[in-house]
Amino acid sequence: MINSAQDAQERVRLILDRADSPWLTNTELNGFIEMAINEYLRERINTFGANQKLRDDFSKFVKSAVFTSEPVDTANDDNQTYRRQFANYTEQGVFDTETAMSTTYPGGEWGDAASNGTGCYVGEINFGTLLEVKIKKGTAGLAECKVMSIDDALRASKDPFNQPGTANAYHAVRVGDYYWVLPGITGAQTVIFTFVSNANSVDYITWLPVHAREEVCQISARKVLATVADERLNVADNEIKQLEGK
């Protein structure tokens, strides 16, 4: 069973084992395994919500980032959840009306007092592919938040029937590493991002379920074979096609 980076290296070497197989250092092998982890995740991103099996395939690579107005201690982060404060709130937990958001943050015009949007910085939490955004409104449950392009957000702001407000879905606009949520979040409200982490270090292979670890090692071996133009690559490809019924 693959329970560590070392186990993954040994499994790939076992798959490649032959007298004339290329010798790779552990560092080189780790590079192939990390590429394989990335490929495994990217192949499944677009079908994440199709069924429970696909959701389970991501296992611990699915994370949450919870943003609040109050300061938080990042030491309380765990393997699944990051807790952060909104970018445009002070250490006292109140909206910052003094800082010129538009010149301080990318897209900060969405967080100025006039638009009163709320900024969520995701640049240092290995934020990969966004799956969904929810707004928790105190005890009122979760509200939808639609992620929009800047063009769509500008059009919506001028449309009285689609402007973000308390009576309809929130909007979120991404500029650089910031998500700006409109209308702004106040009081006990929080913004919850669910995303797939892009931390694809070989050390995180144990974040995957057992069957996925085996598949990642198979992908890694095929990448090595392709790199060295090994004739066994065609055999490996045929096996994959048979498993997929092609």
Protein backbone atom coordinates (compact mmCIF):
# COMPACT_ATOMS: atom_id res chain seq x y z
CA MET A 1 0.00 0.00 0.00
CA ILE A 2 1.21 3.51 -0.81
CA ASN A 3 1.33 5.48 2.43
CA SER A 4 4.18 7.90 1.77
CA ALA A 5 6.23 9.62 -0.91
CA GLN A 6 8.86 6.89 -0.54
CA ASP A 7 6.23 4.19 -1.14
CA ALA A 8 5.16 6.01 -4.31
CA GLN A 9 8.75 6.16 -5.56
CA GLU A 10 9.21 2.45 -4.93
CA ARG A 11 5.95 1.61 -6.72
CA VAL A 12 6.98 3.56 -9.82
CA ARG A 13 10.40 1.89 -9.82
CA LEU A 14 8.67 -1.51 -9.55
CA ILE A 15 6.45 -0.72 -12.54
CA LEU A 16 9.49 0.35 -14.56
CA ASP A 17 11.71 -2.51 -13.35
CA ARG A 18 13.81 -3.95 -16.14
CA ALA A 19 17.54 -4.38 -16.66
CA ASP A 20 17.74 -1.53 -19.17
CA SER A 21 15.26 0.79 -17.45
CA PRO A 22 16.50 4.36 -17.00
CA TRP A 23 17.79 5.21 -13.55
CA LEU A 24 16.15 8.24 -12.01
CA THR A 25 17.09 9.97 -8.80
CA ASN A 26 14.38 10.39 -6.17
CA THR A 27 14.18 14.09 -7.03
CA GLU A 28 13.62 13.33 -10.72
CA LEU A 29 11.06 10.67 -9.85
CA ASN A 30 9.24 13.11 -7.57
CA GLY A 31 8.91 15.49 -10.51
CA PHE A 32 7.11 12.83 -12.56
CA ILE A 33 4.85 11.90 -9.64
CA GLU A 34 3.90 15.54 -9.07
CA MET A 35 3.06 15.93 -12.78
CA ALA A 36 0.91 12.81 -12.48
CA ILE A 37 -0.95 14.13 -9.43
CA ASN A 38 -1.68 17.35 -11.31
CA GLU A 39 -2.90 15.43 -14.38
CA TYR A 40 -5.08 13.14 -12.27
CA LEU A 41 -6.82 16.10 -10.64
CA ARG A 42 -7.20 18.22 -13.79
CA GLU A 43 -8.81 15.35 -15.70
CA ARG A 44 -11.61 15.22 -13.11
CA ILE A 45 -12.19 18.91 -12.33
CA ASN A 46 -14.92 19.51 -14.89
CA THR A 47 -16.89 16.44 -13.79
CA PHE A 48 -16.49 16.99 -10.05
CA GLY A 49 -20.21 17.29 -9.38
CA ALA A 50 -21.31 14.43 -11.63
CA ASN A 51 -21.44 11.74 -8.95
CA GLN A 52 -20.16 10.84 -5.51
CA LYS A 53 -17.39 8.60 -6.89
CA LEU A 54 -15.76 11.52 -8.68
CA ARG A 55 -16.07 13.71 -5.60
CA ASP A 56 -14.45 10.97 -3.52
CA ASP A 57 -11.57 10.76 -6.02
CA PHE A 58 -10.39 14.21 -4.89
CA SER A 59 -10.47 13.27 -1.21
CA LYS A 60 -8.39 15.73 0.86
CA PHE A 61 -7.44 17.88 -2.12
CA VAL A 62 -10.83 19.54 -1.69
CA LYS A 63 -10.40 22.39 0.80
CA SER A 64 -12.43 25.20 2.30
CA ALA A 65 -11.42 28.81 2.91
CA VAL A 66 -13.61 30.65 5.41
CA PHE A 67 -13.42 34.45 5.45
CA THR A 68 -14.85 36.59 8.27
CA SER A 69 -14.71 40.21 9.36
CA GLU A 70 -12.96 39.30 12.60
CA PRO A 71 -9.18 38.73 12.86
CA VAL A 72 -8.24 35.06 12.93
CA ASP A 73 -5.23 33.06 14.02
CA THR A 74 -3.85 31.20 10.99
CA ALA A 75 -2.27 28.73 13.39
CA ASN A 76 -5.74 27.21 13.62
CA ASP A 77 -5.58 26.10 9.98
CA ASP A 78 -5.82 22.37 9.43
CA ASN A 79 -5.49 20.09 6.42
CA GLN A 80 -9.00 20.88 5.23
CA THR A 81 -9.90 24.44 6.22
CA TYR A 82 -8.18 27.81 6.03
CA ARG A 83 -9.51 30.71 8.10
CA ARG A 84 -8.81 34.28 7.03
CA GLN A 85 -10.03 37.84 7.56
CA PHE A 86 -11.48 39.97 4.78
CA ALA A 87 -8.80 42.11 3.14
CA ASN A 88 -10.63 45.40 3.59
CA TYR A 89 -11.44 45.05 7.29
CA THR A 90 -9.37 46.42 10.14
CA GLU A 91 -7.87 44.54 13.06
CA GLN A 92 -10.94 45.62 15.02
CA GLY A 93 -13.21 43.82 12.57
CA VAL A 94 -14.79 46.90 11.00
CA PHE A 95 -14.89 48.02 7.36
CA ASP A 96 -11.80 50.05 6.46
CA THR A 97 -12.95 53.43 5.14
CA GLU A 98 -9.51 55.04 5.42
CA THR A 99 -7.48 52.95 3.00
CA ALA A 100 -7.80 53.66 -0.72
CA MET A 101 -8.70 50.12 -1.76
CA SER A 102 -8.50 50.90 -5.46
CA THR A 103 -4.81 51.79 -5.20
CA THR A 104 -3.89 49.28 -2.50
CA TYR A 105 -5.36 46.04 -3.87
CA PRO A 106 -5.82 44.63 -7.39
CA GLY A 107 -9.48 45.23 -8.21
CA GLY A 108 -9.78 47.29 -5.06
CA GLU A 109 -12.37 49.59 -6.62
CA TRP A 110 -14.85 46.80 -5.83
CA GLY A 111 -13.99 47.19 -2.15
CA ASP A 112 -14.14 50.98 -1.83
CA ALA A 113 -16.73 52.53 0.43
CA ALA A 114 -18.91 53.45 -2.57
CA SER A 115 -19.33 49.86 -3.78
CA ASN A 116 -18.63 48.36 -0.36
CA GLY A 117 -17.54 45.00 -1.71
CA THR A 118 -15.67 42.55 0.50
CA GLY A 119 -12.17 41.37 -0.42
CA CYS A 120 -10.99 37.79 0.03
CA TYR A 121 -7.28 37.17 -0.60
CA VAL A 122 -6.56 33.60 -1.74
CA GLY A 123 -2.98 34.02 -2.91
CA GLU A 124 -1.26 32.11 -0.11
CA ILE A 125 -3.48 29.10 0.48
CA ASN A 126 -2.59 26.95 -2.59
CA PHE A 127 -5.89 27.99 -4.16
CA GLY A 128 -6.37 25.87 -7.29
CA THR A 129 -9.73 25.42 -9.03
CA LEU A 130 -12.77 27.04 -7.45
CA LEU A 131 -15.75 24.72 -7.02
CA GLU A 132 -18.27 27.01 -5.31
CA VAL A 133 -18.75 30.08 -3.15
CA LYS A 134 -21.37 30.35 -0.42
CA ILE A 135 -22.36 33.18 1.92
CA LYS A 136 -23.34 32.23 5.46
CA LYS A 137 -25.79 34.82 6.75
CA GLY A 138 -25.74 34.31 10.51
CA THR A 139 -28.39 31.76 11.42
CA ALA A 140 -30.23 32.23 8.12
CA GLY A 141 -28.33 29.47 6.35
CA LEU A 142 -26.29 29.62 3.14
CA ALA A 143 -26.86 31.96 0.20
CA GLU A 144 -25.67 31.41 -3.34
CA CYS A 145 -22.79 33.47 -4.72
CA LYS A 146 -22.27 33.59 -8.47
CA VAL A 147 -18.71 34.00 -9.72
CA MET A 148 -18.71 36.46 -12.61
CA SER A 149 -16.25 37.88 -15.09
CA ILE A 150 -15.52 41.59 -14.67
CA ASP A 151 -17.51 42.37 -17.85
CA ASP A 152 -20.55 40.49 -16.55
CA ALA A 153 -20.25 42.12 -13.14
CA LEU A 154 -20.16 45.60 -14.68
CA ARG A 155 -23.25 44.84 -16.73
CA ALA A 156 -25.05 43.43 -13.69
CA SER A 157 -24.26 46.54 -11.64
CA LYS A 158 -26.14 48.62 -14.21
CA ASP A 159 -29.09 46.25 -14.45
CA PRO A 160 -31.72 46.96 -11.74
CA PHE A 161 -33.02 43.39 -11.98
CA ASN A 162 -29.63 41.73 -11.51
CA GLN A 163 -27.77 44.02 -9.13
CA PRO A 164 -26.26 42.17 -6.18
CA GLY A 165 -28.29 42.74 -3.05
CA THR A 166 -29.75 41.12 0.00
CA ALA A 167 -32.79 39.85 -1.90
CA ASN A 168 -30.89 37.92 -4.57
CA ALA A 169 -27.69 36.01 -5.17
CA TYR A 170 -24.37 37.59 -4.34
CA HIS A 171 -21.75 38.19 -7.02
CA ALA A 172 -18.02 37.50 -6.75
CA VAL A 173 -15.43 38.96 -9.10
CA ARG A 174 -11.85 37.70 -9.24
CA VAL A 175 -9.02 40.15 -9.89
CA GLY A 176 -5.57 38.61 -9.46
CA ASP A 177 -5.51 36.74 -6.16
CA TYR A 178 -8.53 38.60 -4.76
CA TYR A 179 -12.20 37.70 -4.89
CA TRP A 180 -14.44 40.74 -4.36
CA VAL A 181 -17.91 39.84 -3.10
CA LEU A 182 -20.83 42.20 -3.71
CA PRO A 183 -22.68 43.39 -1.76
CA GLY A 184 -20.22 43.66 1.11
CA ILE A 185 -20.32 41.22 4.00
CA THR A 186 -21.14 42.58 7.44
CA GLY A 187 -21.61 41.42 10.99
CA ALA A 188 -21.69 37.68 11.53
CA GLN A 189 -21.72 36.84 7.82
CA THR A 190 -18.94 34.73 6.33
CA VAL A 191 -17.78 33.78 2.84
CA ILE A 192 -16.97 30.12 2.28
CA PHE A 193 -14.91 29.02 -0.73
CA THR A 194 -14.71 25.35 -1.70
CA PHE A 195 -11.78 24.64 -3.99
CA VAL A 196 -9.31 22.03 -5.20
CA SER A 197 -5.84 22.65 -3.85
CA ASN A 198 -2.95 23.00 -6.28
CA ALA A 199 -0.44 21.74 -3.68
CA ASN A 200 0.64 18.76 -5.77
CA SER A 201 3.85 17.93 -3.94
CA VAL A 202 4.62 14.22 -3.82
CA ASP A 203 4.35 14.47 -0.03
CA TYR A 204 0.60 15.03 -0.47
CA ILE A 205 -0.06 11.85 -2.42
CA THR A 206 -1.65 10.48 0.77
CA TRP A 207 -4.38 13.12 0.37
CA LEU A 208 -5.72 10.87 -2.39
CA PRO A 209 -7.73 7.68 -1.79
CA VAL A 210 -5.79 4.42 -2.08
CA HIS A 211 -6.97 3.55 -5.60
CA ALA A 212 -6.02 7.04 -6.80
CA ARG A 213 -2.47 6.70 -5.45
CA GLU A 214 -2.04 3.56 -7.54
CA GLU A 215 -3.36 5.35 -10.62
CA VAL A 216 -0.99 8.27 -10.05
CA CYS A 217 1.96 5.86 -9.94
CA GLN A 218 0.80 4.29 -13.21
CA ILE A 219 0.56 7.74 -14.83
CA SER A 220 4.03 8.59 -13.51
CA ALA A 221 5.50 5.41 -15.01
CA ARG A 222 3.91 6.13 -18.40
CA LYS A 223 5.36 9.65 -18.35
CA VAL A 224 8.83 8.22 -17.69
CA LEU A 225 8.41 5.71 -20.54
CA ALA A 226 7.29 8.48 -22.88
CA THR A 227 10.26 10.65 -21.91
CA VAL A 228 12.81 7.96 -22.73
CA ALA A 229 10.86 6.68 -25.79
CA ASP A 230 10.54 3.21 -24.27
CA GLU A 231 8.70 0.71 -26.51
CA ARG A 232 6.66 -0.46 -23.51
CA LEU A 233 4.64 2.76 -23.65
CA ASN A 234 2.41 1.38 -26.41
CA VAL A 235 1.64 -1.70 -24.30
CA ALA A 236 0.76 0.50 -21.33
CA ASP A 237 -1.50 2.66 -23.50
CA ASN A 238 -3.29 -0.41 -24.84
CA GLU A 239 -3.94 -1.64 -21.32
CA ILE A 240 -5.50 1.71 -20.41
CA LYS A 241 -7.73 1.62 -23.50
CA GLN A 242 -8.89 -1.89 -22.63
CA LEU A 243 -9.77 -0.81 -19.10
CA GLU A 244 -11.74 2.14 -20.54
CA GLY A 245 -13.53 -0.13 -23.01
CA LYS A 246 -12.07 1.56 -26.11
